[in-house]
Amino acid sequence: MRKTFVLLFFVAVLLPACVATRIPQQSDELTGMASWYGEEFAGRTTANGEIFDPMKLTAAHQTLPFGTILDVTYLSNGRKVTVRINDRGPFVGNRILDLSYGAAREIGLVEPGIGQVQARIVAIGRGEREPPRPYVVKITPPDEIISAPERAPSVAFPLPGGSSADSGAVVDNVVVIEERAGEPVRRQVGADGVTIQTVTEDGRIVETRTPPAAPPRSSQPVPEETPVPSRFVVQLGAFQVEANADVLRVRVAAIEPRVYLQLRGELHRVRVGPFPTREAADEAASRLAAAGYPGIVLPDS
């Protein structure tokens, strides 16, 4: 009797655990449902430390080592794409893969949003985390570097104070040299440090002008902007064809009247909300998932 109990315990408990923790091997095949995620997560850090780019051919899996390469075939049309695992998920229903938008577009999965796939392991990754990659700016030096002259060109007539440009003296109050009525003149700052004088070549001051004063600064404090309260929505899907999105909207409307369509770029998004807090949106997402409409909680935008 005792031996029979031990055998049953092994078959019911230990054997499934051993199978579940089996180390994946090259050429293993996984079959199940796949979904995709895109621009909502662009720029965020993935589970292995990279910056998520929705246009790169990557995917999320719950347990496969980071860096694992998969050949993913969409069974509905036979189209195939090769992806690299750099994130964790999906954690909804029985899905086995979350493809990037770029990978889903390669196999035609963007419009349906979810579909049956077969994934074959091409290479097992090392599972190492990677630091976020910095933005790199490349500066190309000019083909020819023009050096500045060691000495400024000389001025054709004497500068204030009897010094000349050839003497090498530094004169700070010369502003502009121009010609007025056929006679060369210069503009300089007056002795008071405020007025602007127009002086002829022989030193005659023909015009004195005081620049307008700058308007006084306001002493009133600048009011601080009142932050707008954040709101959240539950996104159930994104479709390129509006009719497909509306089918889902009509189905969800039977249990959730706050469902609506939002057009962003080329995608028609099916969303529920908005909700004043993330907790309220999470609660609504749980109710919808239990009714067969899984989604993700996002800031309202």
Protein backbone atom coordinates (compact mmCIF):
# COMPACT_ATOMS: atom_id res chain seq x y z
CA MET A 1 0.00 0.00 0.00
CA ARG A 2 2.80 2.39 0.93
CA LYS A 3 4.67 1.63 -2.31
CA THR A 4 1.54 2.33 -4.31
CA PHE A 5 1.12 5.72 -2.58
CA VAL A 6 4.76 6.71 -3.30
CA LEU A 7 4.38 5.74 -6.95
CA LEU A 8 1.18 7.76 -7.32
CA PHE A 9 2.81 10.76 -5.64
CA PHE A 10 5.74 10.62 -8.10
CA VAL A 11 3.45 10.38 -11.12
CA ALA A 12 1.11 13.15 -9.95
CA VAL A 13 3.59 15.66 -8.49
CA LEU A 14 7.26 15.02 -9.16
CA LEU A 15 7.06 13.88 -12.78
CA PRO A 16 5.19 17.02 -14.04
CA ALA A 17 7.64 19.22 -12.14
CA CYS A 18 10.61 17.50 -13.77
CA VAL A 19 9.06 17.90 -17.21
CA ALA A 20 8.23 21.59 -16.59
CA THR A 21 11.81 22.39 -15.55
CA ARG A 22 13.46 20.53 -18.44
CA ILE A 23 16.24 22.59 -19.97
CA PRO A 24 15.24 23.68 -23.50
CA GLN A 25 17.37 22.25 -26.30
CA GLN A 26 18.21 23.45 -29.78
CA SER A 27 15.59 22.40 -32.36
CA ASP A 28 12.86 22.17 -29.68
CA GLU A 29 9.51 23.36 -31.01
CA LEU A 30 6.89 25.36 -29.10
CA THR A 31 3.31 25.67 -30.29
CA GLY A 32 0.76 28.08 -28.88
CA MET A 33 -0.80 31.54 -29.10
CA ALA A 34 1.32 34.64 -29.76
CA SER A 35 0.45 38.33 -29.44
CA TRP A 36 2.46 41.53 -30.02
CA TYR A 37 3.33 44.80 -28.29
CA GLY A 38 4.58 48.02 -29.82
CA GLU A 39 4.86 51.79 -29.51
CA GLU A 40 3.34 51.98 -26.02
CA PHE A 41 6.55 50.43 -24.68
CA ALA A 42 9.03 52.12 -27.04
CA GLY A 43 12.03 53.51 -25.15
CA ARG A 44 11.36 51.48 -22.01
CA THR A 45 13.85 49.00 -20.57
CA THR A 46 13.24 45.33 -21.40
CA ALA A 47 13.78 42.53 -18.88
CA ASN A 48 17.37 41.97 -20.06
CA GLY A 49 18.29 45.67 -19.80
CA GLU A 50 17.99 46.71 -23.44
CA ILE A 51 15.95 49.67 -24.67
CA PHE A 52 12.83 48.34 -26.39
CA ASP A 53 12.56 49.24 -30.08
CA PRO A 54 9.21 48.07 -31.53
CA MET A 55 10.68 47.90 -35.05
CA LYS A 56 13.40 45.36 -34.14
CA LEU A 57 12.78 41.63 -34.50
CA THR A 58 12.58 40.66 -30.82
CA ALA A 59 10.16 38.80 -28.55
CA ALA A 60 9.25 38.13 -24.93
CA HIS A 61 9.06 34.63 -23.41
CA GLN A 62 8.47 33.63 -19.80
CA THR A 63 11.47 31.30 -19.31
CA LEU A 64 13.74 30.99 -22.38
CA PRO A 65 17.25 32.40 -21.75
CA PHE A 66 17.88 35.91 -23.02
CA GLY A 67 19.53 35.85 -26.44
CA THR A 68 17.71 32.70 -27.58
CA ILE A 69 16.96 32.76 -31.33
CA LEU A 70 13.58 31.46 -32.54
CA ASP A 71 12.14 30.78 -35.98
CA VAL A 72 8.46 31.73 -35.54
CA THR A 73 5.87 30.53 -38.10
CA TYR A 74 2.35 31.96 -38.14
CA LEU A 75 0.28 28.83 -38.80
CA SER A 76 -2.58 30.81 -40.36
CA ASN A 77 -0.55 31.84 -43.42
CA GLY A 78 2.79 30.00 -43.14
CA ARG A 79 4.85 33.21 -42.96
CA LYS A 80 8.02 33.03 -40.86
CA VAL A 81 10.22 35.47 -38.93
CA THR A 82 13.39 35.03 -36.85
CA VAL A 83 13.39 36.78 -33.46
CA ARG A 84 15.67 37.13 -30.43
CA ILE A 85 14.38 36.80 -26.83
CA ASN A 86 15.13 39.97 -24.83
CA ASP A 87 12.07 40.35 -22.60
CA ARG A 88 9.76 38.43 -20.25
CA GLY A 89 6.10 37.68 -20.90
CA PRO A 90 3.36 37.33 -21.91
CA PHE A 91 1.52 36.76 -18.65
CA VAL A 92 -2.01 36.67 -20.10
CA GLY A 93 -4.00 33.48 -20.72
CA ASN A 94 -2.23 30.68 -22.56
CA ARG A 95 0.00 32.83 -24.77
CA ILE A 96 3.61 31.65 -25.25
CA LEU A 97 5.16 34.65 -27.05
CA ASP A 98 4.84 38.42 -27.21
CA LEU A 99 6.35 39.57 -30.52
CA SER A 100 7.56 43.09 -31.21
CA TYR A 101 5.47 45.14 -33.63
CA GLY A 102 8.16 44.71 -36.31
CA ALA A 103 8.18 40.92 -35.95
CA ALA A 104 4.36 40.71 -35.94
CA ARG A 105 4.23 42.82 -39.10
CA GLU A 106 6.62 40.43 -40.87
CA ILE A 107 4.22 37.51 -40.45
CA GLY A 108 0.90 39.40 -40.74
CA LEU A 109 -0.08 39.19 -37.05
CA VAL A 110 -0.62 42.93 -36.46
CA GLU A 111 -4.21 43.07 -37.69
CA PRO A 112 -5.58 39.97 -35.91
CA GLY A 113 -3.55 40.83 -32.79
CA ILE A 114 -3.22 37.21 -31.65
CA GLY A 115 -2.76 33.89 -33.46
CA GLN A 116 -1.45 30.33 -33.33
CA VAL A 117 2.30 30.04 -33.99
CA GLN A 118 5.01 27.40 -34.00
CA ALA A 119 8.40 28.49 -32.68
CA ARG A 120 11.55 26.42 -33.29
CA ILE A 121 14.67 27.09 -31.19
CA VAL A 122 17.58 27.92 -33.52
CA ALA A 123 20.14 28.76 -30.81
CA ILE A 124 20.05 28.87 -27.01
CA GLY A 125 21.07 32.23 -25.55
CA ARG A 126 23.50 32.72 -22.68
CA GLY A 127 20.84 34.44 -20.60
CA GLU A 128 23.00 37.42 -19.68
CA ARG A 129 21.51 40.80 -18.87
CA GLU A 130 22.70 43.73 -20.94
CA PRO A 131 22.99 47.36 -19.75
CA PRO A 132 20.81 49.92 -21.55
CA ARG A 133 22.59 51.04 -24.69
CA PRO A 134 23.40 54.78 -24.67
CA TYR A 135 22.47 57.05 -27.51
CA VAL A 136 25.58 57.52 -29.66
CA VAL A 137 26.11 60.66 -31.73
CA LYS A 138 28.77 60.48 -34.45
CA ILE A 139 30.42 63.73 -35.53
CA THR A 140 32.20 63.72 -38.88
CA PRO A 141 35.13 66.19 -38.96
CA PRO A 142 35.25 68.58 -41.94
CA ASP A 143 37.49 67.65 -44.88
CA GLU A 144 39.40 70.92 -44.58
CA ILE A 145 40.16 72.88 -41.40
CA ILE A 146 40.57 76.63 -41.99
CA SER A 147 42.76 78.24 -39.35
CA ALA A 148 42.03 81.77 -38.13
CA PRO A 149 44.61 84.46 -38.96
CA GLU A 150 47.06 85.19 -36.19
CA ARG A 151 46.43 88.94 -36.58
CA ALA A 152 43.28 90.85 -37.50
CA PRO A 153 43.42 93.03 -40.64
CA SER A 154 44.37 96.65 -40.02
CA VAL A 155 41.83 99.51 -40.17
CA ALA A 156 42.36 102.23 -42.77
CA PHE A 157 42.20 105.22 -40.39
CA PRO A 158 43.36 105.96 -36.79
CA LEU A 159 41.40 104.51 -33.89
CA PRO A 160 40.35 106.56 -30.80
CA GLY A 161 43.10 107.88 -28.61
CA GLY A 162 45.60 108.30 -31.42
CA SER A 163 46.51 104.60 -31.58
CA SER A 164 46.33 102.68 -34.84
CA ALA A 165 45.50 99.11 -35.73
CA ASP A 166 49.12 98.54 -36.77
CA SER A 167 50.34 99.41 -33.27
CA GLY A 168 48.72 96.28 -31.85
CA ALA A 169 46.79 98.24 -29.19
CA VAL A 170 43.50 96.72 -28.04
CA VAL A 171 40.58 99.14 -28.29
CA ASP A 172 37.29 97.89 -26.83
CA ASN A 173 34.95 100.78 -27.60
CA VAL A 174 34.92 100.58 -31.40
CA VAL A 175 31.63 99.07 -32.53
CA VAL A 176 31.11 99.60 -36.27
CA ILE A 177 33.05 101.22 -39.09
CA GLU A 178 30.90 102.45 -41.98
CA GLU A 179 30.66 105.24 -44.53
CA ARG A 180 28.16 108.12 -44.28
CA ALA A 181 27.72 110.69 -47.12
CA GLY A 182 31.02 109.54 -48.65
CA GLU A 183 32.93 110.10 -45.37
CA PRO A 184 34.13 107.15 -43.25
CA VAL A 185 32.74 107.19 -39.71
CA ARG A 186 32.83 104.84 -36.74
CA ARG A 187 30.49 104.09 -33.84
CA GLN A 188 31.86 103.91 -30.37
CA VAL A 189 30.71 103.81 -26.77
CA GLY A 190 30.91 107.20 -25.08
CA ALA A 191 32.96 107.95 -21.98
CA ASP A 192 29.87 107.48 -19.80
CA GLY A 193 29.69 103.84 -20.94
CA VAL A 194 26.05 104.26 -22.03
CA THR A 195 25.72 106.55 -25.07
CA ILE A 196 26.64 105.53 -28.64
CA GLN A 197 28.68 108.11 -30.56
CA THR A 198 29.16 108.45 -34.33
CA VAL A 199 32.67 109.87 -34.95
CA THR A 200 34.32 111.03 -38.20
CA GLU A 201 37.85 110.17 -39.27
CA ASP A 202 39.24 113.40 -37.79
CA GLY A 203 37.55 112.80 -34.40
CA ARG A 204 34.41 114.94 -34.73
CA ILE A 205 31.35 113.59 -32.93
CA VAL A 206 28.46 113.99 -35.37
CA GLU A 207 25.84 112.03 -33.44
CA THR A 208 25.24 110.90 -29.85
CA ARG A 209 22.47 108.42 -29.15
CA THR A 210 21.26 106.79 -25.95
CA PRO A 211 19.90 103.28 -26.50
CA PRO A 212 16.42 102.58 -25.07
CA ALA A 213 16.40 101.19 -21.55
CA ALA A 214 15.43 97.57 -21.04
CA PRO A 215 11.93 97.12 -19.62
CA PRO A 216 11.93 96.46 -15.86
CA ARG A 217 11.55 92.87 -14.76
CA SER A 218 8.28 91.96 -13.15
CA SER A 219 8.53 91.39 -9.43
CA GLN A 220 5.44 89.22 -9.44
CA PRO A 221 6.21 85.52 -8.96
CA VAL A 222 5.43 83.27 -11.90
CA PRO A 223 2.51 81.05 -10.95
CA GLU A 224 3.27 77.35 -11.01
CA GLU A 225 1.36 75.20 -13.46
CA THR A 226 -1.19 72.96 -11.85
CA PRO A 227 -0.42 69.36 -12.83
CA VAL A 228 -3.18 67.60 -14.73
CA PRO A 229 -4.35 64.46 -12.90
CA SER A 230 -3.26 61.27 -14.66
CA ARG A 231 -5.89 58.97 -16.12
CA PHE A 232 -5.63 55.38 -17.29
CA VAL A 233 -7.26 53.16 -19.91
CA VAL A 234 -7.39 49.45 -20.68
CA GLN A 235 -6.31 48.68 -24.26
CA LEU A 236 -7.80 45.47 -25.65
CA GLY A 237 -6.33 45.51 -29.15
CA ALA A 238 -5.01 47.52 -32.10
CA PHE A 239 -6.14 46.92 -35.70
CA GLN A 240 -5.22 48.36 -39.08
CA VAL A 241 -8.76 47.72 -40.39
CA GLU A 242 -11.40 49.77 -38.55
CA ALA A 243 -14.13 47.18 -39.17
CA ASN A 244 -12.18 44.53 -37.26
CA ALA A 245 -11.66 46.91 -34.35
CA ASP A 246 -15.36 47.76 -34.32
CA VAL A 247 -16.31 44.08 -34.09
CA LEU A 248 -14.35 43.82 -30.84
CA ARG A 249 -15.81 47.13 -29.60
CA VAL A 250 -19.38 45.90 -30.12
CA ARG A 251 -18.69 42.65 -28.27
CA VAL A 252 -17.09 44.41 -25.31
CA ALA A 253 -19.87 47.04 -25.19
CA ALA A 254 -22.27 44.32 -24.05
CA ILE A 255 -20.42 44.12 -20.71
CA GLU A 256 -18.55 47.45 -20.55
CA PRO A 257 -20.27 50.63 -21.90
CA ARG A 258 -17.09 52.74 -21.61
CA VAL A 259 -15.41 51.00 -24.56
CA TYR A 260 -14.41 53.23 -27.50
CA LEU A 261 -12.19 53.37 -30.61
CA GLN A 262 -9.13 55.62 -30.90
CA LEU A 263 -7.24 56.20 -34.16
CA ARG A 264 -3.49 56.71 -33.69
CA GLY A 265 -1.41 56.66 -36.86
CA GLU A 266 -2.53 53.67 -38.91
CA LEU A 267 -3.94 51.70 -35.96
CA HIS A 268 -7.50 51.66 -34.60
CA ARG A 269 -7.23 50.97 -30.86
CA VAL A 270 -9.99 49.41 -28.81
CA ARG A 271 -9.87 51.00 -25.35
CA VAL A 272 -11.97 51.06 -22.19
CA GLY A 273 -12.07 54.02 -19.81
CA PRO A 274 -10.73 56.43 -18.87
CA PHE A 275 -10.27 55.65 -15.16
CA PRO A 276 -9.14 58.19 -12.53
CA THR A 277 -6.60 55.82 -10.92
CA ARG A 278 -4.45 52.92 -12.01
CA GLU A 279 -6.10 50.74 -9.36
CA ALA A 280 -9.51 51.31 -10.98
CA ALA A 281 -8.07 50.50 -14.41
CA ASP A 282 -6.43 47.32 -13.06
CA GLU A 283 -9.74 46.23 -11.56
CA ALA A 284 -11.52 46.78 -14.90
CA ALA A 285 -8.76 44.88 -16.73
CA SER A 286 -9.25 41.91 -14.39
CA ARG A 287 -13.01 41.89 -15.05
CA LEU A 288 -12.48 42.05 -18.81
CA ALA A 289 -9.86 39.29 -18.77
CA ALA A 290 -12.22 37.05 -16.80
CA ALA A 291 -14.84 37.65 -19.50
CA GLY A 292 -12.40 36.61 -22.23
CA TYR A 293 -11.09 40.08 -23.25
CA PRO A 294 -7.51 40.41 -21.91
CA GLY A 295 -5.83 43.80 -22.19
CA ILE A 296 -3.10 46.05 -20.83
CA VAL A 297 -3.35 49.16 -18.64
CA LEU A 298 -1.83 52.33 -20.16
CA PRO A 299 -1.78 56.06 -19.35
CA ASP A 300 -4.55 57.87 -21.21
CA SER A 301 -3.12 59.72 -24.19
